[in-house]
Amino acid sequence: MTVSAIITFFREDLTLARAIESCLSQSFTLKEIILVANLATDRSIAIAEYYRDLYPDRIDLLYESKQGANYARNRGLKAINADWVQFLDADDELMQHKVAHQVDLIEQNSEMPSLI
């Protein structure tokens, strides 16, 4: 089972790094982290580029030109290559075992459909 994370951001230069780090530190390794810039005009673009360059095999940076979280999330959904997706906004932070716990629940309830 694979899980990708999608982090959308607009003007979250104060919290974006924390959100990315919380994905990187998951006890269940995420297949990929998709960052979606939604018309960001602050330092958050530079932060996203830094992490993309630091982890080129794990992090992808996309740009959505239509304003709104739903457009940004849909842009990320088109890019994932995993069975499941973990959405979070740039001001969210995942607990270290969150994804592992959810994967355990999914595996215990095999009748749950996957995203793809």
Protein backbone atom coordinates (compact mmCIF):
# COMPACT_ATOMS: atom_id res chain seq x y z
CA MET A 1 0.00 0.00 0.00
CA THR A 2 1.28 3.44 -0.88
CA VAL A 3 0.29 6.87 0.42
CA SER A 4 1.06 10.29 -1.03
CA ALA A 5 0.65 13.61 0.74
CA ILE A 6 -0.68 16.75 -0.92
CA ILE A 7 0.14 20.07 0.75
CA THR A 8 -1.53 23.14 -0.73
CA PHE A 9 -0.31 26.61 0.10
CA PHE A 10 -1.01 30.25 -0.63
CA ARG A 11 0.76 32.54 1.85
CA GLU A 12 2.12 30.22 4.51
CA ASP A 13 5.81 31.05 4.71
CA LEU A 14 5.67 30.80 8.52
CA THR A 15 4.20 27.28 8.63
CA LEU A 16 4.98 25.48 5.35
CA ALA A 17 8.32 24.02 6.46
CA ARG A 18 6.70 22.54 9.57
CA ALA A 19 4.00 20.87 7.46
CA ILE A 20 6.58 19.41 5.08
CA GLU A 21 8.78 18.20 7.95
CA SER A 22 5.79 16.48 9.55
CA CYS A 23 5.33 14.49 6.32
CA LEU A 24 9.01 13.65 6.06
CA SER A 25 9.11 12.38 9.65
CA GLN A 26 6.19 9.94 9.33
CA SER A 27 6.90 6.46 10.68
CA PHE A 28 5.16 5.15 7.54
CA THR A 29 7.20 6.40 4.59
CA LEU A 30 5.11 8.42 2.20
CA LYS A 31 5.64 7.56 -1.46
CA GLU A 32 5.73 11.25 -2.39
CA ILE A 33 4.87 14.69 -1.14
CA ILE A 34 3.15 16.93 -3.67
CA LEU A 35 3.39 20.65 -2.89
CA VAL A 36 0.87 22.80 -4.74
CA ALA A 37 1.46 26.54 -4.89
CA ASN A 38 -1.85 28.35 -5.26
CA LEU A 39 -0.85 31.84 -6.44
CA ALA A 40 1.57 32.24 -3.53
CA THR A 41 3.36 35.59 -3.47
CA ASP A 42 5.45 35.32 -0.31
CA ARG A 43 8.54 33.33 0.71
CA SER A 44 6.57 30.09 0.70
CA ILE A 45 7.58 29.47 -2.95
CA ALA A 46 11.27 29.65 -1.97
CA ILE A 47 10.64 27.28 0.95
CA ALA A 48 8.85 24.79 -1.32
CA GLU A 49 11.65 25.01 -3.90
CA TYR A 50 14.23 24.41 -1.16
CA TYR A 51 12.54 21.19 -0.04
CA ARG A 52 11.93 20.05 -3.63
CA ASP A 53 15.63 20.51 -4.37
CA LEU A 54 16.66 18.83 -1.11
CA TYR A 55 14.43 15.77 -1.71
CA PRO A 56 14.02 15.56 -5.51
CA ASP A 57 12.96 11.90 -5.39
CA ARG A 58 10.27 12.48 -2.75
CA ILE A 59 8.93 15.99 -3.25
CA ASP A 60 7.33 17.54 -6.31
CA LEU A 61 6.26 21.18 -6.65
CA LEU A 62 3.26 22.08 -8.80
CA TYR A 63 1.59 25.39 -9.54
CA GLU A 64 -2.15 26.06 -9.73
CA SER A 65 -3.21 29.31 -11.37
CA LYS A 66 -6.86 29.24 -10.27
CA GLN A 67 -7.33 30.64 -6.78
CA GLY A 68 -8.81 28.32 -4.20
CA ALA A 69 -7.99 25.29 -2.11
CA ASN A 70 -10.19 22.97 -4.15
CA TYR A 71 -8.40 23.83 -7.39
CA ALA A 72 -5.04 23.28 -5.68
CA ARG A 73 -6.09 19.94 -4.19
CA ASN A 74 -7.44 18.75 -7.54
CA ARG A 75 -4.16 19.74 -9.20
CA GLY A 76 -2.32 17.61 -6.67
CA LEU A 77 -4.70 14.68 -7.14
CA LYS A 78 -3.91 14.60 -10.85
CA ALA A 79 -0.22 14.10 -10.03
CA ILE A 80 -0.21 11.41 -7.34
CA ASN A 81 1.07 7.91 -7.93
CA ALA A 82 -0.26 6.15 -4.83
CA ASP A 83 -3.20 4.10 -3.58
CA TRP A 84 -4.19 6.63 -0.93
CA VAL A 85 -3.78 10.35 -0.34
CA GLN A 86 -3.22 12.41 2.81
CA PHE A 87 -4.35 16.01 2.36
CA LEU A 88 -3.03 18.77 4.55
CA ASP A 89 -2.85 22.51 4.39
CA ALA A 90 0.38 24.38 4.91
CA ASP A 91 -0.58 25.30 8.48
CA ASP A 92 -1.25 21.65 9.44
CA GLU A 93 1.16 19.31 11.17
CA LEU A 94 0.83 15.51 11.17
CA MET A 95 1.62 13.51 14.29
CA GLN A 96 4.53 11.13 13.61
CA HIS A 97 2.43 7.94 13.49
CA LYS A 98 -0.74 9.36 11.90
CA VAL A 99 -0.33 7.78 8.47
CA ALA A 100 0.86 4.46 9.95
CA HIS A 101 -2.21 4.36 12.18
CA GLN A 102 -4.52 5.02 9.23
CA VAL A 103 -2.78 2.38 7.11
CA ASP A 104 -3.26 -0.13 9.95
CA LEU A 105 -6.98 0.70 10.06
CA ILE A 106 -7.29 0.32 6.29
CA GLU A 107 -5.53 -3.04 6.36
CA GLN A 108 -7.82 -4.24 9.17
CA ASN A 109 -10.85 -3.21 7.08
CA SER A 110 -9.93 -4.53 3.65
CA GLU A 111 -13.37 -3.74 2.23
CA MET A 112 -12.46 -0.02 2.19
CA PRO A 113 -11.95 1.15 -1.42
CA SER A 114 -8.69 2.83 -2.41
CA LEU A 115 -8.45 6.18 -4.17
CA ILE A 116 -7.21 4.71 -7.42
